[in-house]
């Protein structure tokens, strides 16, 4: 069984965890019932469907590296001096966890899909390419996501009032 390295730093630029958290935070103002984020190089393309509409795509957004930097900067400003607990079911936290998973296995993100099904029931699908070091037939136990959630919780609990660096 593979051990996750929670102290590994990502390559130059932002980690998937940070990128997806920024995207999720920007989407929290929309009333979406589903969306799909595809990674094309350093650009993230989003197609979404608002609640109460048909199943056709009615929202299309593009996030460039500059957009991600701007969203991250805005998020840092909003979090400064605020010590509030984040809801783990917020889009930003769900996507952060998905990104953290891909970061920890050192994979390459291809796509993230999310669907609101009912109050407190959401479906999240992550598609990624495994790293060269990771054997292709290795299974990740379901406890892996739990481990990542606990790690994020402990990391945030360690230094109250600070932001992810």
C-alpha atoms as a PDB file:
ATOM      1  CA  UNK A   1       0.000   0.000   0.000  1.00  0.00           C
ATOM      2  CA  UNK A   2       1.258   3.453  -0.904  1.00  0.00           C
ATOM      3  CA  UNK A   3       1.975   6.014   1.823  1.00  0.00           C
ATOM      4  CA  UNK A   4       0.945   9.562   1.046  1.00  0.00           C
ATOM      5  CA  UNK A   5       3.582  12.244   1.500  1.00  0.00           C
ATOM      6  CA  UNK A   6       1.794  15.281   2.908  1.00  0.00           C
ATOM      7  CA  UNK A   7       4.944  17.383   3.018  1.00  0.00           C
ATOM      8  CA  UNK A   8       5.881  17.159  -0.653  1.00  0.00           C
ATOM      9  CA  UNK A   9       5.902  20.505  -2.417  1.00  0.00           C
ATOM     10  CA  UNK A  10       4.361  20.839  -5.853  1.00  0.00           C
ATOM     11  CA  UNK A  11       6.259  21.947  -8.917  1.00  0.00           C
ATOM     12  CA  UNK A  12       6.560  25.620  -9.815  1.00  0.00           C
ATOM     13  CA  UNK A  13       3.252  27.448  -9.641  1.00  0.00           C
ATOM     14  CA  UNK A  14       0.186  26.588  -7.647  1.00  0.00           C
ATOM     15  CA  UNK A  15      -0.801  23.117  -6.555  1.00  0.00           C
ATOM     16  CA  UNK A  16      -4.012  21.548  -7.824  1.00  0.00           C
ATOM     17  CA  UNK A  17      -5.376  21.942  -4.312  1.00  0.00           C
ATOM     18  CA  UNK A  18      -4.933  25.696  -4.450  1.00  0.00           C
ATOM     19  CA  UNK A  19      -6.107  26.054  -8.053  1.00  0.00           C
ATOM     20  CA  UNK A  20      -9.288  24.058  -7.494  1.00  0.00           C
ATOM     21  CA  UNK A  21     -10.023  25.859  -4.208  1.00  0.00           C
ATOM     22  CA  UNK A  22      -9.849  29.203  -6.059  1.00  0.00           C
ATOM     23  CA  UNK A  23     -12.134  27.928  -8.814  1.00  0.00           C
ATOM     24  CA  UNK A  24     -14.556  26.497  -6.265  1.00  0.00           C
ATOM     25  CA  UNK A  25     -14.642  29.752  -4.325  1.00  0.00           C
ATOM     26  CA  UNK A  26     -15.508  31.665  -7.497  1.00  0.00           C
ATOM     27  CA  UNK A  27     -18.347  29.216  -8.208  1.00  0.00           C
ATOM     28  CA  UNK A  28     -19.965  29.470  -4.778  1.00  0.00           C
ATOM     29  CA  UNK A  29     -21.886  32.580  -5.861  1.00  0.00           C
ATOM     30  CA  UNK A  30     -23.539  30.667  -8.722  1.00  0.00           C
ATOM     31  CA  UNK A  31     -26.477  28.397  -7.985  1.00  0.00           C
ATOM     32  CA  UNK A  32     -25.145  25.370  -9.865  1.00  0.00           C
ATOM     33  CA  UNK A  33     -26.467  21.842  -9.923  1.00  0.00           C
ATOM     34  CA  UNK A  34     -23.513  20.434 -11.879  1.00  0.00           C
ATOM     35  CA  UNK A  35     -20.253  21.421 -13.519  1.00  0.00           C
ATOM     36  CA  UNK A  36     -17.268  19.972 -15.281  1.00  0.00           C
ATOM     37  CA  UNK A  37     -13.727  21.432 -15.113  1.00  0.00           C
ATOM     38  CA  UNK A  38     -11.234  20.261 -17.720  1.00  0.00           C
ATOM     39  CA  UNK A  39      -7.538  20.967 -17.519  1.00  0.00           C
ATOM     40  CA  UNK A  40      -5.952  21.951 -20.830  1.00  0.00           C
ATOM     41  CA  UNK A  41      -2.348  22.797 -20.115  1.00  0.00           C
ATOM     42  CA  UNK A  42      -2.381  25.714 -17.690  1.00  0.00           C
ATOM     43  CA  UNK A  43      -5.962  26.732 -18.564  1.00  0.00           C
ATOM     44  CA  UNK A  44      -9.037  25.347 -16.806  1.00  0.00           C
ATOM     45  CA  UNK A  45     -12.273  25.232 -18.786  1.00  0.00           C
ATOM     46  CA  UNK A  46     -15.567  25.024 -16.904  1.00  0.00           C
ATOM     47  CA  UNK A  47     -19.011  24.111 -18.159  1.00  0.00           C
ATOM     48  CA  UNK A  48     -21.865  24.317 -15.688  1.00  0.00           C
ATOM     49  CA  UNK A  49     -25.599  23.941 -15.333  1.00  0.00           C
ATOM     50  CA  UNK A  50     -27.643  26.172 -13.012  1.00  0.00           C
ATOM     51  CA  UNK A  51     -30.271  24.694 -10.684  1.00  0.00           C
ATOM     52  CA  UNK A  52     -33.760  24.837 -12.114  1.00  0.00           C
ATOM     53  CA  UNK A  53     -32.628  24.734 -15.750  1.00  0.00           C
ATOM     54  CA  UNK A  54     -32.535  21.949 -18.267  1.00  0.00           C
ATOM     55  CA  UNK A  55     -29.547  19.677 -18.523  1.00  0.00           C
ATOM     56  CA  UNK A  56     -27.915  21.783 -21.231  1.00  0.00           C
ATOM     57  CA  UNK A  57     -24.796  23.787 -20.420  1.00  0.00           C
ATOM     58  CA  UNK A  58     -25.684  27.377 -19.553  1.00  0.00           C
ATOM     59  CA  UNK A  59     -22.400  28.554 -18.014  1.00  0.00           C
ATOM     60  CA  UNK A  60     -18.961  28.466 -19.613  1.00  0.00           C
ATOM     61  CA  UNK A  61     -15.910  29.945 -17.923  1.00  0.00           C
ATOM     62  CA  UNK A  62     -12.191  29.883 -18.547  1.00  0.00           C
ATOM     63  CA  UNK A  63      -9.559  30.231 -15.829  1.00  0.00           C
ATOM     64  CA  UNK A  64      -6.056  31.251 -16.899  1.00  0.00           C
ATOM     65  CA  UNK A  65      -3.028  31.306 -14.578  1.00  0.00           C
ATOM     66  CA  UNK A  66      -3.560  35.072 -14.140  1.00  0.00           C
ATOM     67  CA  UNK A  67      -7.201  34.473 -13.170  1.00  0.00           C
ATOM     68  CA  UNK A  68      -6.121  31.882 -10.585  1.00  0.00           C
ATOM     69  CA  UNK A  69      -3.524  34.275  -9.118  1.00  0.00           C
ATOM     70  CA  UNK A  70      -6.139  37.036  -8.897  1.00  0.00           C
ATOM     71  CA  UNK A  71      -8.695  34.726  -7.244  1.00  0.00           C
ATOM     72  CA  UNK A  72      -6.059  33.484  -4.806  1.00  0.00           C
ATOM     73  CA  UNK A  73      -5.060  37.034  -3.902  1.00  0.00           C
ATOM     74  CA  UNK A  74      -8.699  38.043  -3.368  1.00  0.00           C
ATOM     75  CA  UNK A  75      -9.263  34.963  -1.228  1.00  0.00           C
ATOM     76  CA  UNK A  76      -6.248  35.752   0.949  1.00  0.00           C
ATOM     77  CA  UNK A  77      -7.513  39.293   1.516  1.00  0.00           C
ATOM     78  CA  UNK A  78     -10.953  37.999   2.498  1.00  0.00           C
ATOM     79  CA  UNK A  79      -9.466  35.463   4.937  1.00  0.00           C
ATOM     80  CA  UNK A  80      -7.026  37.805   6.714  1.00  0.00           C
ATOM     81  CA  UNK A  81      -7.824  38.202  10.373  1.00  0.00           C
ATOM     82  CA  UNK A  82     -10.914  36.018  10.112  1.00  0.00           C
ATOM     83  CA  UNK A  83     -10.997  32.874  12.211  1.00  0.00           C
ATOM     84  CA  UNK A  84     -14.075  31.068  11.035  1.00  0.00           C
ATOM     85  CA  UNK A  85     -14.555  27.416  10.378  1.00  0.00           C
ATOM     86  CA  UNK A  86     -14.961  26.381   6.804  1.00  0.00           C
ATOM     87  CA  UNK A  87     -17.789  24.102   5.781  1.00  0.00           C
ATOM     88  CA  UNK A  88     -16.279  20.914   4.309  1.00  0.00           C
ATOM     89  CA  UNK A  89     -19.252  20.689   1.926  1.00  0.00           C
ATOM     90  CA  UNK A  90     -18.542  24.083   0.292  1.00  0.00           C
ATOM     91  CA  UNK A  91     -17.457  23.807  -3.318  1.00  0.00           C
ATOM     92  CA  UNK A  92     -14.117  25.388  -2.517  1.00  0.00           C
ATOM     93  CA  UNK A  93     -13.371  22.794   0.175  1.00  0.00           C
ATOM     94  CA  UNK A  94     -14.601  19.841  -1.902  1.00  0.00           C
ATOM     95  CA  UNK A  95     -12.476  20.892  -4.848  1.00  0.00           C
ATOM     96  CA  UNK A  96      -9.539  21.616  -2.558  1.00  0.00           C
ATOM     97  CA  UNK A  97      -9.740  18.048  -1.262  1.00  0.00           C
ATOM     98  CA  UNK A  98      -9.895  16.677  -4.813  1.00  0.00           C
ATOM     99  CA  UNK A  99      -6.854  18.750  -5.789  1.00  0.00           C
ATOM    100  CA  UNK A 100      -5.027  17.687  -2.657  1.00  0.00           C
ATOM    101  CA  UNK A 101      -5.613  14.054  -3.581  1.00  0.00           C
ATOM    102  CA  UNK A 102      -4.075  14.537  -7.045  1.00  0.00           C
ATOM    103  CA  UNK A 103      -1.194  16.522  -5.505  1.00  0.00           C
ATOM    104  CA  UNK A 104      -0.438  13.796  -2.961  1.00  0.00           C
ATOM    105  CA  UNK A 105      -0.238  11.026  -5.538  1.00  0.00           C
ATOM    106  CA  UNK A 106       1.742  13.388  -7.784  1.00  0.00           C
ATOM    107  CA  UNK A 107      -0.659  12.826 -10.666  1.00  0.00           C
ATOM    108  CA  UNK A 108      -1.687  15.164 -13.457  1.00  0.00           C
ATOM    109  CA  UNK A 109      -5.246  16.463 -13.294  1.00  0.00           C
ATOM    110  CA  UNK A 110      -7.413  15.897 -16.366  1.00  0.00           C
ATOM    111  CA  UNK A 111     -10.959  16.636 -15.212  1.00  0.00           C
ATOM    112  CA  UNK A 112     -13.139  17.215 -12.152  1.00  0.00           C
ATOM    113  CA  UNK A 113     -16.916  16.822 -12.298  1.00  0.00           C
ATOM    114  CA  UNK A 114     -19.353  17.777  -9.549  1.00  0.00           C
ATOM    115  CA  UNK A 115     -23.077  17.254  -9.195  1.00  0.00           C
ATOM    116  CA  UNK A 116     -25.495  18.410  -6.507  1.00  0.00           C
ATOM    117  CA  UNK A 117     -27.938  15.589  -5.840  1.00  0.00           C
ATOM    118  CA  UNK A 118     -29.748  16.562  -2.629  1.00  0.00           C
ATOM    119  CA  UNK A 119     -29.159  18.409   0.609  1.00  0.00           C
ATOM    120  CA  UNK A 120     -25.743  17.248   1.847  1.00  0.00           C
ATOM    121  CA  UNK A 121     -25.399  14.738  -1.012  1.00  0.00           C
ATOM    122  CA  UNK A 122     -22.936  15.614  -3.746  1.00  0.00           C
ATOM    123  CA  UNK A 123     -21.069  13.547  -6.324  1.00  0.00           C
ATOM    124  CA  UNK A 124     -17.455  14.370  -7.175  1.00  0.00           C
ATOM    125  CA  UNK A 125     -15.466  12.610  -9.895  1.00  0.00           C
ATOM    126  CA  UNK A 126     -11.721  13.128 -10.394  1.00  0.00           C
ATOM    127  CA  UNK A 127      -9.899  12.059 -13.538  1.00  0.00           C
ATOM    128  CA  UNK A 128      -6.118  12.187 -13.502  1.00  0.00           C
ATOM    129  CA  UNK A 129      -3.067  10.607 -15.031  1.00  0.00           C
ATOM    130  CA  UNK A 130      -0.826   8.788 -12.572  1.00  0.00           C
ATOM    131  CA  UNK A 131       2.773   9.898 -12.178  1.00  0.00           C
ATOM    132  CA  UNK A 132       5.566   7.905 -13.743  1.00  0.00           C
ATOM    133  CA  UNK A 133       6.647   6.637 -10.311  1.00  0.00           C
ATOM    134  CA  UNK A 134       3.192   5.313  -9.434  1.00  0.00           C
ATOM    135  CA  UNK A 135       2.435   1.770 -10.582  1.00  0.00           C
ATOM    136  CA  UNK A 136      -0.613   1.837 -12.856  1.00  0.00           C
ATOM    137  CA  UNK A 137      -2.332  -1.128 -11.182  1.00  0.00           C
ATOM    138  CA  UNK A 138      -2.105   0.180  -7.615  1.00  0.00           C
ATOM    139  CA  UNK A 139      -5.385   0.626  -5.783  1.00  0.00           C
ATOM    140  CA  UNK A 140      -6.023   3.530  -3.427  1.00  0.00           C
ATOM    141  CA  UNK A 141      -8.222   2.625  -0.473  1.00  0.00           C
ATOM    142  CA  UNK A 142     -11.265   4.746   0.248  1.00  0.00           C
ATOM    143  CA  UNK A 143      -9.589   5.849   3.450  1.00  0.00           C
ATOM    144  CA  UNK A 144      -7.189   7.965   1.339  1.00  0.00           C
ATOM    145  CA  UNK A 145      -9.717  10.795   0.985  1.00  0.00           C
ATOM    146  CA  UNK A 146     -10.364  10.583   4.739  1.00  0.00           C
ATOM    147  CA  UNK A 147      -6.617  10.877   5.362  1.00  0.00           C
ATOM    148  CA  UNK A 148      -6.425  13.985   3.182  1.00  0.00           C
ATOM    149  CA  UNK A 149      -9.396  15.586   4.966  1.00  0.00           C
ATOM    150  CA  UNK A 150      -7.813  14.905   8.352  1.00  0.00           C
ATOM    151  CA  UNK A 151      -4.482  16.293   7.123  1.00  0.00           C
ATOM    152  CA  UNK A 152      -6.131  19.505   5.897  1.00  0.00           C
ATOM    153  CA  UNK A 153      -7.998  19.837   9.203  1.00  0.00           C
ATOM    154  CA  UNK A 154      -4.826  19.346  11.260  1.00  0.00           C
ATOM    155  CA  UNK A 155      -2.858  21.727   9.068  1.00  0.00           C
ATOM    156  CA  UNK A 156      -5.468  24.482   9.475  1.00  0.00           C
ATOM    157  CA  UNK A 157      -5.830  23.771  13.214  1.00  0.00           C
ATOM    158  CA  UNK A 158      -2.068  23.999  13.827  1.00  0.00           C
ATOM    159  CA  UNK A 159      -1.784  27.751  13.256  1.00  0.00           C
ATOM    160  CA  UNK A 160      -5.128  29.484  13.754  1.00  0.00           C
ATOM    161  CA  UNK A 161      -5.714  32.595  11.661  1.00  0.00           C
ATOM    162  CA  UNK A 162      -3.074  31.800   9.050  1.00  0.00           C
ATOM    163  CA  UNK A 163      -3.726  31.030   5.435  1.00  0.00           C
ATOM    164  CA  UNK A 164      -2.459  28.284   3.146  1.00  0.00           C
ATOM    165  CA  UNK A 165       0.988  29.257   1.878  1.00  0.00           C
END
